[in-house]
Protein backbone atom coordinates (compact mmCIF):
# COMPACT_ATOMS: atom_id res chain seq x y z
CA MET A 1 0.00 0.00 0.00
CA THR A 2 3.02 2.27 0.42
CA THR A 3 3.56 1.79 -3.30
CA LEU A 4 -0.01 2.85 -4.04
CA ARG A 5 0.38 5.96 -1.91
CA GLU A 6 3.57 6.84 -3.79
CA THR A 7 1.68 6.38 -7.06
CA TYR A 8 -1.40 8.47 -6.28
CA SER A 9 -0.34 11.00 -3.65
CA GLY A 10 -0.72 14.51 -5.07
CA LYS A 11 -1.97 13.20 -8.43
CA ARG A 12 -5.08 14.52 -10.16
CA VAL A 13 -7.52 11.61 -10.43
CA LEU A 14 -10.87 11.68 -12.21
CA VAL A 15 -13.50 9.10 -11.25
CA THR A 16 -16.61 8.92 -13.41
CA GLY A 17 -19.61 7.41 -11.69
CA HIS A 18 -18.29 8.51 -8.30
CA THR A 19 -21.82 8.79 -6.89
CA GLY A 20 -22.32 5.02 -7.30
CA PHE A 21 -21.43 2.25 -4.87
CA LYS A 22 -17.98 1.31 -6.20
CA GLY A 23 -17.27 4.91 -7.16
CA ALA A 24 -17.91 6.14 -3.62
CA TRP A 25 -15.59 3.50 -2.15
CA LEU A 26 -12.91 4.33 -4.73
CA THR A 27 -13.03 8.08 -4.15
CA HIS A 28 -12.86 7.52 -0.40
CA TRP A 29 -9.82 5.26 -0.76
CA LEU A 30 -8.09 7.63 -3.18
CA GLY A 31 -8.64 10.45 -0.70
CA ARG A 32 -6.87 8.38 1.94
CA LEU A 33 -3.99 7.93 -0.53
CA ASP A 34 -3.77 11.75 -0.70
CA ALA A 35 -4.88 11.97 -4.32
CA GLU A 36 -6.61 15.10 -5.66
CA VAL A 37 -9.93 13.45 -6.50
CA SER A 38 -12.45 14.79 -8.98
CA GLY A 39 -15.81 13.17 -9.68
CA TYR A 40 -18.12 13.36 -12.69
CA ALA A 41 -21.52 11.69 -12.48
CA LEU A 42 -25.26 12.07 -12.47
CA ASP A 43 -27.08 12.74 -9.23
CA PRO A 44 -27.90 9.57 -7.28
CA ASP A 45 -31.43 8.25 -7.64
CA PRO A 46 -33.73 10.66 -5.73
CA GLY A 47 -35.11 9.40 -2.46
CA GLN A 48 -32.59 6.53 -2.22
CA GLU A 49 -29.93 6.38 0.44
CA THR A 50 -26.45 6.27 -1.06
CA LEU A 51 -22.95 5.56 0.12
CA PHE A 52 -21.86 8.71 -1.71
CA GLY A 53 -23.99 10.79 0.62
CA ILE A 54 -22.13 9.26 3.55
CA VAL A 55 -18.68 9.60 1.97
CA ARG A 56 -19.22 13.17 0.74
CA GLY A 57 -19.44 14.41 4.31
CA GLY A 58 -15.79 13.44 4.73
CA THR A 59 -14.80 15.95 2.00
CA VAL A 60 -12.48 13.50 0.22
CA ILE A 61 -13.72 14.72 -3.18
CA GLY A 62 -12.10 17.98 -4.10
CA ASP A 63 -14.25 18.54 -7.18
CA ASP A 64 -17.76 17.07 -7.29
CA GLU A 65 -19.25 17.69 -10.75
CA ARG A 66 -22.74 16.67 -11.85
CA GLY A 67 -22.90 15.79 -15.50
CA ASP A 68 -24.13 13.33 -18.10
CA LEU A 69 -21.67 11.20 -20.08
CA MET A 70 -24.00 11.62 -23.04
CA HIS A 71 -23.39 15.40 -23.07
CA PHE A 72 -19.94 15.49 -24.62
CA PRO A 73 -19.26 19.26 -24.45
CA ALA A 74 -19.79 19.36 -20.67
CA LEU A 75 -17.70 16.23 -20.13
CA ALA A 76 -14.90 17.56 -22.33
CA ALA A 77 -14.94 20.89 -20.50
CA HIS A 78 -14.63 19.09 -17.16
CA VAL A 79 -11.68 16.99 -18.35
CA ALA A 80 -10.02 20.10 -19.80
CA ARG A 81 -10.39 21.92 -16.49
CA ILE A 82 -9.19 19.03 -14.32
CA ARG A 83 -6.42 17.73 -16.65
CA PRO A 84 -6.37 14.37 -14.84
CA GLU A 85 -3.28 12.22 -14.63
CA PHE A 86 -5.35 9.12 -13.85
CA VAL A 87 -8.90 8.32 -14.94
CA PHE A 88 -11.10 5.54 -13.56
CA HIS A 89 -14.20 5.23 -15.74
CA LEU A 90 -16.93 3.67 -13.62
CA GLY A 91 -19.83 5.72 -14.98
CA ALA A 92 -22.42 3.29 -16.35
CA GLN A 93 -25.89 1.80 -16.14
CA SER A 94 -24.80 -1.14 -14.00
CA LEU A 95 -27.92 -3.24 -13.42
CA VAL A 96 -28.75 -6.30 -15.54
CA ARG A 97 -32.48 -6.28 -14.87
CA ARG A 98 -32.79 -2.53 -15.51
CA SER A 99 -31.26 -3.12 -18.93
CA TYR A 100 -34.37 -5.14 -19.85
CA ALA A 101 -36.55 -2.13 -19.03
CA GLN A 102 -34.16 0.48 -20.47
CA PRO A 103 -32.20 -1.25 -23.24
CA VAL A 104 -31.46 1.77 -25.43
CA GLU A 105 -30.46 3.94 -22.48
CA THR A 106 -28.17 1.17 -21.24
CA LEU A 107 -26.45 0.89 -24.60
CA ALA A 108 -26.13 4.65 -24.91
CA VAL A 109 -24.43 5.37 -21.60
CA ASN A 110 -22.31 2.21 -21.45
CA VAL A 111 -21.08 2.31 -25.05
CA LEU A 112 -21.29 5.86 -26.35
CA GLY A 113 -20.54 7.23 -22.88
CA THR A 114 -17.27 5.29 -22.90
CA GLY A 115 -16.43 6.72 -26.32
CA HIS A 116 -17.18 10.24 -25.06
CA LEU A 117 -14.93 9.78 -22.05
CA LEU A 118 -12.01 8.49 -24.12
CA GLU A 119 -12.47 11.24 -26.69
CA ALA A 120 -12.44 13.89 -23.97
CA VAL A 121 -9.24 12.43 -22.53
CA ARG A 122 -7.66 12.17 -25.99
CA PHE A 123 -8.09 15.88 -26.63
CA HIS A 124 -7.67 17.37 -23.17
CA ALA A 125 -5.55 14.93 -21.11
CA PRO A 126 -3.73 12.74 -23.66
CA GLY A 127 -1.05 11.67 -21.20
CA ALA A 128 -3.54 10.33 -18.66
CA THR A 129 -3.63 6.70 -17.59
CA VAL A 130 -7.17 5.37 -18.10
CA VAL A 131 -8.82 2.29 -16.62
CA VAL A 132 -12.20 1.58 -18.21
CA VAL A 133 -14.21 -0.57 -15.82
CA THR A 134 -16.43 -3.11 -17.57
CA SER A 135 -17.65 -6.40 -16.09
CA ASP A 136 -17.09 -10.14 -15.90
CA LYS A 137 -20.40 -10.35 -17.77
CA CYS A 138 -18.74 -9.08 -20.95
CA TYR A 139 -17.89 -12.67 -21.97
CA GLU A 140 -19.97 -14.87 -24.24
CA ASN A 141 -21.30 -16.99 -21.40
CA ARG A 142 -21.64 -20.63 -22.34
CA GLU A 143 -22.18 -21.86 -18.77
CA TRP A 144 -18.72 -23.42 -18.84
CA VAL A 145 -17.20 -24.92 -15.70
CA HIS A 146 -13.84 -23.31 -16.36
CA ALA A 147 -13.15 -19.67 -15.57
CA TYR A 148 -13.18 -17.18 -18.44
CA ARG A 149 -9.83 -15.78 -19.54
CA GLU A 150 -9.16 -12.41 -21.09
CA THR A 151 -8.67 -14.06 -24.49
CA ASP A 152 -12.11 -15.71 -24.49
CA ALA A 153 -14.83 -14.39 -26.80
CA LEU A 154 -16.85 -11.35 -25.81
CA GLY A 155 -20.62 -11.42 -26.05
CA GLY A 156 -23.76 -11.05 -23.99
CA HIS A 157 -27.22 -12.57 -23.82
CA ASP A 158 -28.80 -9.53 -22.14
CA VAL A 159 -28.40 -5.89 -23.12
CA TYR A 160 -26.28 -5.03 -20.08
CA SER A 161 -23.75 -7.77 -20.81
CA ALA A 162 -23.67 -6.88 -24.51
CA SER A 163 -23.10 -3.22 -23.64
CA LYS A 164 -20.09 -4.15 -21.51
CA ALA A 165 -18.67 -6.28 -24.32
CA ALA A 166 -19.19 -3.33 -26.66
CA ALA A 167 -17.47 -0.99 -24.19
CA GLU A 168 -14.47 -3.33 -24.32
CA LEU A 169 -14.39 -3.00 -28.12
CA VAL A 170 -14.71 0.78 -27.91
CA ALA A 171 -11.80 1.02 -25.47
CA THR A 172 -9.66 -1.19 -27.71
CA ALA A 173 -10.55 0.81 -30.83
CA TRP A 174 -9.74 4.17 -29.22
CA ARG A 175 -6.48 2.83 -27.82
CA LYS A 176 -5.29 1.36 -31.12
CA SER A 177 -6.58 4.19 -33.31
CA PHE A 178 -5.55 7.18 -31.22
CA PHE A 179 -3.63 6.61 -27.99
CA ASP A 180 -1.07 4.15 -29.35
CA GLN A 181 -0.60 6.27 -32.46
CA ALA A 182 0.12 9.30 -30.28
CA GLY A 183 2.97 7.48 -28.56
CA THR A 184 1.21 6.97 -25.24
CA VAL A 185 1.27 3.19 -25.40
CA GLY A 186 0.11 1.55 -22.21
CA ARG A 187 -2.21 4.33 -21.09
CA VAL A 188 -5.61 2.68 -21.65
CA ALA A 189 -6.81 -0.68 -20.34
CA THR A 190 -10.02 -2.34 -19.16
CA GLY A 191 -10.78 -3.98 -15.83
CA ARG A 192 -13.35 -6.77 -15.66
CA GLY A 193 -14.56 -7.12 -12.09
CA GLY A 194 -16.47 -9.99 -10.53
CA ASN A 195 -19.62 -9.78 -8.42
CA VAL A 196 -18.82 -7.20 -5.78
CA ILE A 197 -20.24 -7.01 -2.27
CA GLY A 198 -19.52 -4.52 0.49
CA GLY A 199 -21.14 -2.06 2.84
CA GLY A 200 -23.10 0.82 1.38
CA ASP A 201 -24.66 -0.71 -1.72
CA PHE A 202 -28.34 0.29 -1.80
CA SER A 203 -29.02 -0.48 -5.47
CA GLU A 204 -32.21 -2.13 -6.70
CA ASP A 205 -32.24 -5.78 -7.76
CA ARG A 206 -28.93 -6.70 -6.14
CA ILE A 207 -28.86 -9.58 -3.75
CA VAL A 208 -27.18 -8.01 -0.70
CA PRO A 209 -29.15 -4.73 -0.75
CA ASP A 210 -32.37 -6.72 -1.29
CA LEU A 211 -31.39 -8.93 1.65
CA VAL A 212 -30.69 -5.96 3.90
CA ARG A 213 -33.97 -4.27 3.02
CA ALA A 214 -35.94 -7.44 3.76
CA LEU A 215 -34.15 -8.10 7.05
CA GLY A 216 -34.67 -4.50 8.12
CA LYS A 217 -38.43 -4.99 7.68
CA GLY A 218 -38.44 -8.41 9.34
CA GLU A 219 -39.57 -10.02 6.08
CA PRO A 220 -38.35 -13.15 4.27
CA ILE A 221 -35.69 -12.47 1.65
CA PRO A 222 -36.92 -13.06 -1.93
CA ILE A 223 -34.24 -14.90 -3.92
CA ARG A 224 -34.68 -15.02 -7.71
CA SER A 225 -31.91 -17.48 -8.62
CA PRO A 226 -30.68 -19.33 -5.51
CA ARG A 227 -28.70 -21.91 -7.50
CA SER A 228 -26.86 -19.46 -9.77
CA THR A 229 -23.11 -19.36 -9.08
CA ARG A 230 -21.07 -16.15 -9.00
CA PRO A 231 -17.49 -15.07 -8.14
CA TRP A 232 -18.20 -13.03 -4.98
CA GLN A 233 -15.52 -10.56 -3.86
CA HIS A 234 -15.32 -7.64 -1.48
CA VAL A 235 -15.35 -4.22 -3.08
CA LEU A 236 -11.87 -3.44 -1.72
CA ASP A 237 -10.40 -6.46 -3.50
CA CYS A 238 -11.92 -5.38 -6.79
CA LEU A 239 -10.89 -1.74 -6.42
CA SER A 240 -7.36 -2.68 -5.43
CA GLY A 241 -7.14 -4.43 -8.82
CA TYR A 242 -8.10 -1.24 -10.64
CA LEU A 243 -5.57 0.76 -8.61
CA TRP A 244 -2.76 -1.70 -9.31
CA LEU A 245 -3.66 -1.86 -13.00
CA ALA A 246 -3.45 1.93 -13.36
CA ARG A 247 -0.13 1.95 -11.53
CA TRP A 248 1.25 -0.77 -13.83
CA LEU A 249 0.14 1.16 -16.91
CA ALA A 250 1.65 4.42 -15.72
CA CYS A 251 4.87 3.26 -14.15
CA GLY A 252 6.07 0.07 -15.77
CA ASP A 253 8.26 -0.27 -18.84
CA GLN A 254 6.76 -3.75 -19.16
CA ALA A 255 3.31 -2.23 -19.62
CA ARG A 256 4.47 -0.04 -22.49
CA SER A 257 5.73 -3.01 -24.47
CA SER A 258 3.02 -5.47 -23.45
CA PRO A 259 -0.02 -6.15 -25.67
CA LEU A 260 -2.14 -6.91 -22.59
CA ARG A 261 -4.88 -4.35 -22.10
CA ALA A 262 -7.70 -6.27 -20.41
CA PHE A 263 -7.55 -7.79 -16.94
CA ASN A 264 -9.96 -9.87 -14.86
CA PHE A 265 -10.30 -9.11 -11.14
CA GLY A 266 -12.14 -11.76 -9.20
CA PRO A 267 -11.83 -13.98 -6.13
CA THR A 268 -10.11 -17.32 -5.76
CA GLY A 269 -12.09 -20.41 -6.69
CA ASP A 270 -13.36 -21.09 -3.17
CA SER A 271 -15.35 -17.83 -3.32
CA GLU A 272 -17.38 -18.99 -6.30
CA ARG A 273 -20.61 -19.81 -4.48
CA SER A 274 -24.30 -19.99 -5.26
CA VAL A 275 -26.60 -17.10 -4.46
CA GLY A 276 -28.25 -19.29 -1.83
CA ALA A 277 -24.88 -19.95 -0.18
CA LEU A 278 -24.15 -16.22 -0.10
CA VAL A 279 -27.47 -15.50 1.56
CA ASP A 280 -26.95 -18.29 4.11
CA GLU A 281 -23.55 -16.84 5.00
CA CYS A 282 -25.05 -13.36 5.41
CA LEU A 283 -27.71 -14.79 7.73
CA ARG A 284 -25.00 -16.07 10.05
CA HIS A 285 -24.43 -12.39 10.92
CA TRP A 286 -27.99 -11.08 10.68
CA PRO A 287 -30.50 -13.89 11.32
CA GLY A 288 -33.52 -14.30 9.11
CA HIS A 289 -34.78 -16.59 6.36
CA TRP A 290 -35.17 -16.55 2.61
CA GLU A 291 -37.70 -17.77 0.07
CA ASP A 292 -37.13 -19.20 -3.40
CA HIS A 293 -38.75 -16.79 -5.87
CA SER A 294 -37.27 -18.30 -9.02
CA ARG A 295 -39.54 -18.26 -12.07
CA SER A 296 -39.30 -20.05 -15.36
CA ASP A 297 -40.40 -16.92 -17.24
CA ALA A 298 -37.93 -14.56 -15.51
CA PRO A 299 -35.51 -12.51 -17.64
CA HIS A 300 -32.39 -14.47 -18.49
CA GLU A 301 -29.45 -14.31 -16.07
CA ALA A 302 -26.36 -16.51 -16.31
CA GLY A 303 -26.45 -19.66 -14.21
CA ARG A 304 -22.70 -19.93 -13.78
CA LEU A 305 -19.95 -17.35 -14.08
CA ALA A 306 -16.29 -17.33 -13.01
CA VAL A 307 -13.20 -15.49 -14.23
CA SER A 308 -9.54 -16.45 -14.25
CA ILE A 309 -7.19 -14.04 -12.46
CA ASP A 310 -3.92 -15.69 -13.54
CA GLN A 311 -3.00 -12.75 -15.78
CA ALA A 312 -3.45 -10.15 -13.03
CA ARG A 313 -1.36 -12.29 -10.69
CA SER A 314 1.45 -12.72 -13.22
CA PHE A 315 1.71 -9.20 -14.64
CA LEU A 316 0.38 -6.92 -11.90
CA GLY A 317 1.40 -8.91 -8.84
CA TRP A 318 -2.23 -8.59 -7.73
CA THR A 319 -4.12 -11.23 -5.80
CA PRO A 320 -7.34 -11.02 -3.76
CA CYS A 321 -6.85 -10.60 -0.02
CA TRP A 322 -10.19 -11.51 1.55
CA GLY A 323 -11.86 -14.87 1.10
CA PHE A 324 -15.60 -15.50 0.95
CA GLU A 325 -16.31 -15.59 4.70
CA ARG A 326 -14.22 -12.48 5.41
CA ALA A 327 -15.82 -10.55 2.55
CA VAL A 328 -19.30 -11.37 3.85
CA ALA A 329 -18.35 -10.59 7.46
CA GLU A 330 -16.97 -7.14 6.58
CA THR A 331 -20.02 -6.42 4.43
CA MET A 332 -22.51 -7.38 7.12
CA ASP A 333 -20.59 -5.49 9.81
CA TRP A 334 -21.19 -2.30 7.82
CA TYR A 335 -24.88 -2.95 7.28
CA LEU A 336 -25.45 -3.92 10.92
CA ALA A 337 -23.85 -0.66 12.04
CA TRP A 338 -26.01 1.24 9.56
CA SER A 339 -29.17 -0.57 10.69
CA ARG A 340 -28.46 0.40 14.30
CA GLY A 341 -28.42 4.07 13.38
CA ALA A 342 -24.68 4.74 13.11
CA SER A 343 -23.92 8.31 12.05
CA ASP A 344 -22.26 9.12 8.72
CA GLU A 345 -19.02 9.84 10.55
CA GLU A 346 -19.19 6.48 12.34
CA LEU A 347 -19.81 4.70 9.03
CA ARG A 348 -16.87 6.50 7.41
CA ASN A 349 -14.71 5.49 10.36
CA LEU A 350 -15.85 1.89 9.87
CA MET A 351 -14.85 2.14 6.20
CA ASN A 352 -11.47 3.48 7.29
CA ARG A 353 -10.98 0.59 9.68
CA GLN A 354 -11.86 -1.87 6.93
CA ILE A 355 -9.39 -0.23 4.55
CA ASP A 356 -6.74 -0.28 7.28
CA ALA A 357 -7.38 -4.00 7.84
CA PHE A 358 -7.27 -4.67 4.10
CA GLU A 359 -4.00 -2.79 3.69
CA ALA A 360 -2.34 -4.48 6.68
């Protein structure tokens, strides 16, 4: 972690989507690394509690800009004003089930929004190191037992997954067409994260937030796909991968000569568990019960998904720190504190303690 502090301390860092769950954790962590953090994102959903609202009170974000990735002039003006040295592009429509209700909007922000961001950087911060965050769902999922590698085919059954595969293609096209040609080889890469859990996620149609809402009301937890298997990881493990990837791109001679520009960040194999197993582990910390709400006519969601992290281990020296039980325990500790009425400052302090423990 000393190396990360040396990398980011005093650096101008732009985070798109900083008002989201992962974005709020990332801006908070970057603030602790003494980075000069700027955020560009839409307002959070009105009436919904957000982690960003809790983090913002700690004033770790030096520049908090509201803007739409689809409005290129405003985005370009923000990048020109900030002149970031690092960019983490998390801005996206990030929910699979919402993509069924809003398919065109999902494609627009996830695909064209990525193009807008890269174009703004190309013109106004061409020397910046850019990590475009996509998803483990960008692969053509064939329900294989083996974990997907970065060289496997991209695809997507649902619109969300297809949009993330398309964002990968956009990032590759901009890198090869513009960034590499400008002599800034190694400045753009994509990070494909697994299924992330952690305190402060209040999104709709995600298993842990749905679980917390049900438990808070004393109701049974509705589980749509209890037998589906996912690579569960704590948000700090995933974000540490993005931070190490950006450092590798910016600092390493190996990165400049390497053709590798896409990296998976997921847990070890023992953290690939069913949704039902995840819920059961959560209930060890906050007792309750769940009900099987699976339906044969439900929108398609992958039954099995796992990613290989061999490449990140070999080239970045990155490996996940927290196993399945620890990731769930840290997640539920946060939600239990929140459910008992902890103040924003107390929740930020809990986040700090979790980061300290992760870094140790």
